[in-house]
């Protein structure tokens, strides 16, 4: 029998549950002092000492980072606190959905609306970049979308692993976090990253929205990492003929393997998108796909939803961009040497097969050598070990 809904968290009066995860619950609540609706993220204090310390540090990092970012395309963080049961973060309540929900149908989305939404996110990230804050984890599940009249409004959220120059929050055992499908090549290989890494990640989201497929995708994290660094994505218009030539150029520049070949700033990226939007029809409202985020069997371990969730306990297969999956498996996998070995460049005369994808085979041809000290000796071997890295890159800084 599920536990009754709690009535309050700190000074906030709880109105209902917005979502549940392996680490905590997200509530809809109201601040009675100013009659403002908020969303409250919680993390259970029953976690292990290491997990709790990491999550609390992440919360603290997010409030310090986002607390100074006041922008229409960034979700506002209001407050953090702690009760006897959990730590919590109160943030702007968005009456909408994650962008990920609209992409669940795995089909191309309306081009004009896609470009408009990504341009909005670019504007929010550009604002953060001018304050020397790099998000580091741009992905569809970190973009909230609401409908205002006949237009969709996007807001970027979850700056929990963002880095500012004064940041002292370290990731587990000195390693870096991210979501493999949306990480930049320099992030994959563990190099220092800057604003152009966010440009690449947002470019991945743009490509996926325009085509219905991720530019770099496979059944294992190691293969995704390899493709990100070495494989050139198919031209977007070859997958979706509605994509215009200017958009092809924008996508190609955003997804350049070499950071120096990308847009120099996120603001420049956003301006290019606005320019490409001018001849297109007016942006509209995306339709929610009939099948919402159907869980597929990736072969990775499932994470059990805690028994206090409403209804019977169930298993949820974590996605590559699941932060909870990342943290749970990162705590089990402290093998930076093994990961480094798996992304070494192939030895001369050897070949490494790339998993099948639903794109033309020719598009998987190996591009010219890139200026990153990485490769793939035994990249697709030892998958038992690399599978533990679901949703995380474990490279010593």
Protein backbone atom coordinates (compact mmCIF):
# COMPACT_ATOMS: atom_id res chain seq x y z
CA UNK A 1 0.00 0.00 0.00
CA UNK A 2 1.57 3.33 -1.03
CA UNK A 3 2.43 5.85 1.64
CA UNK A 4 0.03 8.78 1.99
CA UNK A 5 1.05 12.02 0.27
CA UNK A 6 3.13 14.23 2.53
CA UNK A 7 1.48 17.54 3.38
CA UNK A 8 4.46 19.88 3.43
CA UNK A 9 8.17 20.22 2.71
CA UNK A 10 9.70 22.99 4.74
CA UNK A 11 7.39 25.97 4.32
CA UNK A 12 5.95 24.59 1.06
CA UNK A 13 2.49 23.01 0.93
CA UNK A 14 2.52 19.91 -1.28
CA UNK A 15 -0.19 19.72 -3.94
CA UNK A 16 0.74 16.48 -5.69
CA UNK A 17 3.41 14.28 -7.23
CA UNK A 18 4.95 15.25 -10.57
CA UNK A 19 7.28 12.28 -10.92
CA UNK A 20 9.24 9.58 -9.13
CA UNK A 21 12.74 8.26 -9.62
CA UNK A 22 15.21 5.92 -8.01
CA UNK A 23 16.67 8.71 -5.89
CA UNK A 24 13.63 10.73 -4.90
CA UNK A 25 10.31 12.34 -5.82
CA UNK A 26 9.43 15.58 -7.60
CA UNK A 27 6.43 17.35 -6.07
CA UNK A 28 4.18 20.16 -7.14
CA UNK A 29 3.80 22.56 -4.23
CA UNK A 30 2.90 26.13 -3.34
CA UNK A 31 4.84 28.70 -1.37
CA UNK A 32 2.14 30.11 0.98
CA UNK A 33 4.19 33.21 1.73
CA UNK A 34 3.80 34.55 -1.82
CA UNK A 35 1.19 32.11 -3.21
CA UNK A 36 3.59 30.85 -5.89
CA UNK A 37 3.48 27.34 -7.37
CA UNK A 38 6.82 25.56 -7.41
CA UNK A 39 8.29 22.19 -8.35
CA UNK A 40 10.31 20.55 -5.59
CA UNK A 41 13.02 17.97 -6.28
CA UNK A 42 13.81 15.75 -3.33
CA UNK A 43 16.53 13.22 -2.57
CA UNK A 44 16.08 10.65 0.16
CA UNK A 45 18.36 10.85 3.16
CA UNK A 46 18.26 7.05 3.27
CA UNK A 47 20.78 6.91 0.41
CA UNK A 48 24.30 5.76 1.14
CA UNK A 49 26.57 8.37 2.68
CA UNK A 50 28.52 8.69 -0.58
CA UNK A 51 25.41 9.05 -2.75
CA UNK A 52 23.86 11.58 -0.39
CA UNK A 53 27.01 13.67 -0.21
CA UNK A 54 27.24 13.71 -3.99
CA UNK A 55 23.60 14.67 -4.53
CA UNK A 56 23.67 17.37 -1.87
CA UNK A 57 26.84 18.78 -3.43
CA UNK A 58 25.09 18.70 -6.79
CA UNK A 59 22.07 20.55 -5.36
CA UNK A 60 24.34 23.14 -3.79
CA UNK A 61 26.23 23.55 -7.06
CA UNK A 62 22.99 24.05 -8.96
CA UNK A 63 21.61 26.72 -6.62
CA UNK A 64 24.94 28.60 -6.69
CA UNK A 65 25.08 28.33 -10.46
CA UNK A 66 21.49 28.99 -11.50
CA UNK A 67 20.72 31.33 -8.64
CA UNK A 68 22.53 34.07 -10.53
CA UNK A 69 20.94 33.24 -13.91
CA UNK A 70 17.73 35.17 -14.45
CA UNK A 71 16.61 34.50 -18.02
CA UNK A 72 13.32 33.69 -19.70
CA UNK A 73 14.77 30.47 -21.16
CA UNK A 74 16.35 29.13 -17.96
CA UNK A 75 14.32 27.45 -15.21
CA UNK A 76 14.65 29.57 -12.06
CA UNK A 77 15.86 27.97 -8.80
CA UNK A 78 14.28 29.57 -5.72
CA UNK A 79 15.45 27.69 -2.67
CA UNK A 80 17.20 24.63 -1.22
CA UNK A 81 16.69 23.04 2.15
CA UNK A 82 16.65 19.87 4.21
CA UNK A 83 14.13 18.06 6.38
CA UNK A 84 14.55 14.96 8.52
CA UNK A 85 13.55 12.81 5.54
CA UNK A 86 15.23 14.40 2.53
CA UNK A 87 17.09 17.30 0.98
CA UNK A 88 15.11 19.37 -1.49
CA UNK A 89 15.31 22.07 -4.14
CA UNK A 90 12.40 24.39 -4.97
CA UNK A 91 12.31 25.66 -8.54
CA UNK A 92 10.07 27.34 -11.07
CA UNK A 93 7.03 25.22 -11.88
CA UNK A 94 6.62 24.77 -15.62
CA UNK A 95 3.19 23.66 -16.76
CA UNK A 96 4.58 21.62 -19.60
CA UNK A 97 6.66 18.58 -20.50
CA UNK A 98 10.24 17.63 -21.13
CA UNK A 99 11.24 18.00 -24.78
CA UNK A 100 12.11 14.31 -24.62
CA UNK A 101 8.38 13.46 -24.47
CA UNK A 102 7.74 15.14 -27.82
CA UNK A 103 10.64 13.22 -29.36
CA UNK A 104 9.46 9.82 -28.15
CA UNK A 105 7.87 8.93 -31.49
CA UNK A 106 11.30 8.79 -33.16
CA UNK A 107 9.99 10.74 -36.18
CA UNK A 108 11.07 14.11 -37.58
CA UNK A 109 9.36 17.03 -35.85
CA UNK A 110 8.05 20.18 -37.52
CA UNK A 111 11.10 21.99 -38.87
CA UNK A 112 10.10 25.58 -38.03
CA UNK A 113 8.99 24.70 -34.50
CA UNK A 114 12.16 22.68 -33.94
CA UNK A 115 14.39 25.56 -35.04
CA UNK A 116 12.46 28.03 -32.90
CA UNK A 117 12.75 25.85 -29.77
CA UNK A 118 16.47 25.19 -30.23
CA UNK A 119 17.08 28.90 -30.84
CA UNK A 120 15.36 29.65 -27.54
CA UNK A 121 17.56 27.15 -25.71
CA UNK A 122 20.61 28.65 -27.41
CA UNK A 123 19.60 32.08 -26.08
CA UNK A 124 19.35 30.73 -22.54
CA UNK A 125 22.70 28.93 -22.77
CA UNK A 126 24.33 32.00 -24.33
CA UNK A 127 23.23 34.00 -21.28
CA UNK A 128 24.84 31.39 -19.01
CA UNK A 129 28.02 31.35 -21.09
CA UNK A 130 28.44 35.12 -20.77
CA UNK A 131 28.61 34.48 -17.04
CA UNK A 132 31.25 31.79 -17.60
CA UNK A 133 28.89 28.91 -16.83
CA UNK A 134 28.97 25.86 -19.11
CA UNK A 135 25.99 23.51 -18.74
CA UNK A 136 27.85 20.29 -19.71
CA UNK A 137 24.69 18.13 -19.91
CA UNK A 138 22.43 19.58 -22.61
CA UNK A 139 19.85 16.95 -23.66
CA UNK A 140 16.09 16.66 -24.32
CA UNK A 141 15.25 15.62 -20.76
CA UNK A 142 16.88 18.84 -19.48
CA UNK A 143 14.71 21.07 -21.65
CA UNK A 144 11.19 21.90 -20.45
CA UNK A 145 8.60 22.97 -23.02
CA UNK A 146 5.36 24.83 -22.28
CA UNK A 147 2.67 26.19 -24.58
CA UNK A 148 1.92 29.92 -24.45
CA UNK A 149 -1.02 30.74 -26.72
CA UNK A 150 0.05 29.31 -30.10
CA UNK A 151 3.77 29.17 -29.43
CA UNK A 152 5.98 26.73 -27.55
CA UNK A 153 8.39 28.13 -24.97
CA UNK A 154 11.58 26.26 -24.05
CA UNK A 155 13.54 26.52 -20.80
CA UNK A 156 16.83 24.79 -20.04
CA UNK A 157 17.16 23.24 -16.59
CA UNK A 158 19.36 20.98 -14.44
CA UNK A 159 22.65 22.83 -14.15
CA UNK A 160 23.66 20.31 -11.48
CA UNK A 161 26.92 19.34 -13.19
CA UNK A 162 27.57 22.77 -14.69
CA UNK A 163 30.93 24.33 -14.00
CA UNK A 164 31.73 27.91 -13.13
CA UNK A 165 35.29 29.21 -12.68
CA UNK A 166 34.86 29.23 -8.89
CA UNK A 167 33.25 25.79 -8.73
CA UNK A 168 34.75 23.43 -6.18
CA UNK A 169 32.27 20.60 -6.64
CA UNK A 170 34.04 17.55 -8.00
CA UNK A 171 32.43 14.57 -9.65
CA UNK A 172 32.95 11.10 -8.32
CA UNK A 173 36.63 10.09 -7.97
CA UNK A 174 37.68 13.03 -10.14
CA UNK A 175 35.74 11.72 -13.15
CA UNK A 176 33.36 13.63 -15.38
CA UNK A 177 29.68 13.13 -15.99
CA UNK A 178 27.49 13.53 -19.01
CA UNK A 179 25.05 11.73 -21.26
CA UNK A 180 26.89 9.78 -23.97
CA UNK A 181 24.39 10.36 -26.79
CA UNK A 182 24.71 14.13 -26.36
CA UNK A 183 28.34 14.57 -25.32
CA UNK A 184 30.93 16.39 -27.39
CA UNK A 185 34.05 14.60 -28.66
CA UNK A 186 36.26 16.56 -26.27
CA UNK A 187 33.96 15.60 -23.40
CA UNK A 188 34.16 11.94 -24.40
CA UNK A 189 37.95 11.90 -24.32
CA UNK A 190 38.15 13.83 -21.07
CA UNK A 191 39.60 17.09 -22.32
CA UNK A 192 38.80 20.45 -20.73
CA UNK A 193 35.55 21.69 -22.18
CA UNK A 194 34.10 25.12 -22.81
CA UNK A 195 31.00 26.72 -24.32
CA UNK A 196 31.59 25.01 -27.68
CA UNK A 197 30.90 21.68 -26.01
CA UNK A 198 27.38 22.90 -25.23
CA UNK A 199 27.09 23.98 -28.89
CA UNK A 200 27.83 20.41 -29.97
CA UNK A 201 25.36 18.90 -27.49
CA UNK A 202 22.59 21.26 -28.57
CA UNK A 203 23.46 20.42 -32.17
CA UNK A 204 22.83 16.76 -31.39
CA UNK A 205 19.38 17.63 -30.02
CA UNK A 206 18.67 19.73 -33.12
CA UNK A 207 19.68 16.89 -35.44
CA UNK A 208 17.55 14.37 -33.58
CA UNK A 209 14.49 16.62 -33.69
CA UNK A 210 14.92 17.31 -37.42
CA UNK A 211 15.49 13.69 -38.43
CA UNK A 212 13.87 11.52 -35.77
CA UNK A 213 17.15 9.66 -35.19
CA UNK A 214 20.17 10.43 -33.04
CA UNK A 215 23.32 11.24 -35.02
CA UNK A 216 25.32 8.89 -32.79
CA UNK A 217 23.46 5.89 -31.45
CA UNK A 218 24.11 2.23 -30.70
CA UNK A 219 23.35 -0.51 -28.20
CA UNK A 220 26.42 0.15 -26.08
CA UNK A 221 27.94 3.23 -24.54
CA UNK A 222 31.37 2.37 -25.98
CA UNK A 223 29.96 2.38 -29.52
CA UNK A 224 28.25 5.73 -28.98
CA UNK A 225 31.50 7.17 -27.65
CA UNK A 226 33.38 5.86 -30.66
CA UNK A 227 30.88 7.27 -33.14
CA UNK A 228 30.89 10.67 -31.44
CA UNK A 229 34.63 10.98 -31.86
CA UNK A 230 35.17 9.23 -35.21
CA UNK A 231 31.98 8.88 -37.27
CA UNK A 232 30.45 11.60 -39.43
CA UNK A 233 26.67 11.81 -39.07
CA UNK A 234 24.47 11.57 -42.19
CA UNK A 235 23.43 14.91 -43.70
CA UNK A 236 20.13 15.87 -42.04
CA UNK A 237 18.33 16.56 -45.34
CA UNK A 238 19.19 13.05 -46.54
CA UNK A 239 17.13 11.71 -43.66
CA UNK A 240 14.39 14.38 -43.80
CA UNK A 241 13.96 16.16 -47.13
CA UNK A 242 12.14 19.04 -45.39
CA UNK A 243 15.41 20.19 -43.86
CA UNK A 244 16.67 23.22 -45.81
CA UNK A 245 20.26 23.70 -47.08
CA UNK A 246 20.96 26.49 -44.55
CA UNK A 247 19.91 24.14 -41.74
CA UNK A 248 22.20 21.43 -43.12
CA UNK A 249 25.07 23.90 -42.88
CA UNK A 250 24.10 24.93 -39.35
CA UNK A 251 23.89 21.32 -38.16
CA UNK A 252 27.20 20.42 -39.77
CA UNK A 253 28.95 23.37 -38.13
CA UNK A 254 27.45 22.69 -34.69
CA UNK A 255 28.48 19.03 -34.92
CA UNK A 256 32.04 19.61 -36.12
CA UNK A 257 34.42 17.22 -34.37
CA UNK A 258 36.99 19.96 -33.89
CA UNK A 259 35.69 22.58 -31.41
CA UNK A 260 37.49 25.33 -33.35
CA UNK A 261 35.35 24.51 -36.42
CA UNK A 262 32.07 25.03 -34.54
CA UNK A 263 30.28 28.27 -33.79
CA UNK A 264 32.57 30.40 -31.67
CA UNK A 265 29.72 31.25 -29.29
CA UNK A 266 26.27 29.97 -28.46
CA UNK A 267 24.91 33.41 -29.34
CA UNK A 268 26.30 33.02 -32.86
CA UNK A 269 24.63 29.60 -33.09
CA UNK A 270 21.31 31.08 -31.98
CA UNK A 271 21.54 33.92 -34.50
CA UNK A 272 22.20 31.47 -37.33
CA UNK A 273 19.09 29.51 -36.30
CA UNK A 274 16.98 32.68 -36.25
CA UNK A 275 18.22 33.58 -39.72
CA UNK A 276 17.37 30.08 -41.02
CA UNK A 277 13.91 30.40 -39.47
CA UNK A 278 13.00 33.58 -41.36
CA UNK A 279 11.86 31.94 -44.66
CA UNK A 280 10.11 29.05 -42.89
CA UNK A 281 6.40 28.95 -41.92
CA UNK A 282 5.49 30.29 -38.50
CA UNK A 283 6.39 27.93 -35.63
CA UNK A 284 3.46 26.01 -34.20
CA UNK A 285 2.77 23.55 -31.40
CA UNK A 286 4.23 20.06 -31.55
CA UNK A 287 1.88 17.11 -31.18
CA UNK A 288 2.51 14.58 -28.46
CA UNK A 289 3.35 11.19 -30.02
CA UNK A 290 0.83 8.40 -29.53
CA UNK A 291 3.47 6.15 -28.02
CA UNK A 292 5.28 8.00 -25.26
CA UNK A 293 8.84 7.02 -24.55
CA UNK A 294 8.31 3.28 -24.84
CA UNK A 295 11.10 1.59 -22.94
CA UNK A 296 13.29 -0.58 -25.11
CA UNK A 297 15.43 -3.46 -23.98
CA UNK A 298 18.95 -2.08 -24.13
CA UNK A 299 20.47 -5.03 -22.36
CA UNK A 300 21.52 -2.85 -19.42
CA UNK A 301 20.40 -3.38 -15.82
CA UNK A 302 17.02 -2.01 -14.85
CA UNK A 303 16.57 0.27 -11.86
CA UNK A 304 13.81 -0.67 -9.45
CA UNK A 305 11.36 2.08 -8.53
CA UNK A 306 11.24 2.25 -4.71
CA UNK A 307 8.30 0.45 -3.06
CA UNK A 308 6.86 3.70 -1.74
CA UNK A 309 5.91 4.68 -5.28
CA UNK A 310 2.22 4.65 -6.05
CA UNK A 311 1.09 1.27 -7.33
CA UNK A 312 3.19 -1.91 -7.40
CA UNK A 313 6.96 -1.75 -7.62
CA UNK A 314 8.14 -1.99 -11.21
CA UNK A 315 11.35 -1.97 -13.21
CA UNK A 316 12.24 0.95 -15.41
CA UNK A 317 14.97 0.48 -17.99
CA UNK A 318 17.22 3.55 -17.65
CA UNK A 319 18.01 5.59 -20.75
CA UNK A 320 21.53 6.66 -21.72
CA UNK A 321 20.66 10.16 -20.54
CA UNK A 322 19.38 9.11 -17.11
CA UNK A 323 21.29 10.91 -14.35
CA UNK A 324 20.07 8.35 -11.82
CA UNK A 325 21.40 5.50 -13.94
CA UNK A 326 24.63 7.39 -14.37
CA UNK A 327 25.20 7.87 -10.68
CA UNK A 328 24.14 4.38 -9.61
CA UNK A 329 26.44 2.71 -12.10
CA UNK A 330 29.25 5.20 -11.66
CA UNK A 331 29.40 4.21 -8.02
CA UNK A 332 29.99 0.61 -9.13
CA UNK A 333 32.52 1.42 -11.82
CA UNK A 334 35.79 3.04 -10.93
CA UNK A 335 37.87 1.81 -13.83
CA UNK A 336 39.29 4.88 -15.62
CA UNK A 337 42.18 2.79 -16.91
CA UNK A 338 39.81 0.31 -18.52
CA UNK A 339 37.77 3.06 -20.18
CA UNK A 340 40.91 4.75 -21.48
CA UNK A 341 42.02 1.43 -22.97
CA UNK A 342 38.71 0.99 -24.72
CA UNK A 343 38.94 4.25 -26.64
CA UNK A 344 42.51 3.98 -27.90
CA UNK A 345 42.99 4.47 -31.62
CA UNK A 346 42.85 1.23 -33.68
CA UNK A 347 46.21 -0.25 -34.50
CA UNK A 348 47.28 -0.08 -38.10
CA UNK A 349 45.74 -2.76 -40.24
CA UNK A 350 42.88 -3.48 -37.84
CA UNK A 351 39.22 -2.67 -38.21
CA UNK A 352 36.48 -2.19 -35.67
CA UNK A 353 32.90 -2.93 -36.71
CA UNK A 354 30.28 -0.26 -36.11
CA UNK A 355 26.84 -1.50 -34.95
CA UNK A 356 24.04 -1.39 -37.47
CA UNK A 357 21.93 1.75 -37.59
CA UNK A 358 18.88 2.78 -39.54
CA UNK A 359 20.88 5.10 -41.80
CA UNK A 360 22.66 4.51 -45.11
CA UNK A 361 25.64 2.23 -44.67
CA UNK A 362 27.84 4.69 -46.55
CA UNK A 363 27.32 7.24 -43.81
CA UNK A 364 29.22 5.02 -41.37
CA UNK A 365 32.47 5.22 -43.31
CA UNK A 366 35.38 6.28 -41.12
CA UNK A 367 36.13 10.01 -41.50
CA UNK A 368 39.69 11.37 -41.70
CA UNK A 369 41.73 11.13 -38.53
CA UNK A 370 40.70 13.69 -35.92
CA UNK A 371 43.01 15.63 -33.59
CA UNK A 372 41.91 13.68 -30.53
CA UNK A 373 44.19 11.09 -28.94
CA UNK A 374 41.57 8.38 -29.01
CA UNK A 375 40.76 5.24 -30.94
CA UNK A 376 39.14 1.84 -30.64
CA UNK A 377 41.45 -1.05 -29.91
CA UNK A 378 39.10 -3.65 -28.53
CA UNK A 379 36.47 -0.88 -28.41
CA UNK A 380 33.54 -3.20 -28.87
CA UNK A 381 35.08 -5.98 -26.82
CA UNK A 382 34.81 -6.31 -23.05
CA UNK A 383 31.23 -4.99 -23.23
CA UNK A 384 30.46 -6.55 -19.88
CA UNK A 385 32.74 -3.99 -18.25
CA UNK A 386 31.77 -1.02 -20.38
CA UNK A 387 28.04 -1.72 -19.93
CA UNK A 388 28.43 -0.63 -16.33
CA UNK A 389 29.17 2.86 -17.58
CA UNK A 390 25.57 3.51 -18.69
CA UNK A 391 25.13 7.22 -19.09
CA UNK A 392 28.56 8.27 -17.87
CA UNK A 393 32.07 8.90 -19.14
CA UNK A 394 34.56 7.77 -16.56
CA UNK A 395 37.84 9.44 -17.44
CA UNK A 396 40.24 10.94 -14.93
CA UNK A 397 40.39 14.68 -15.41
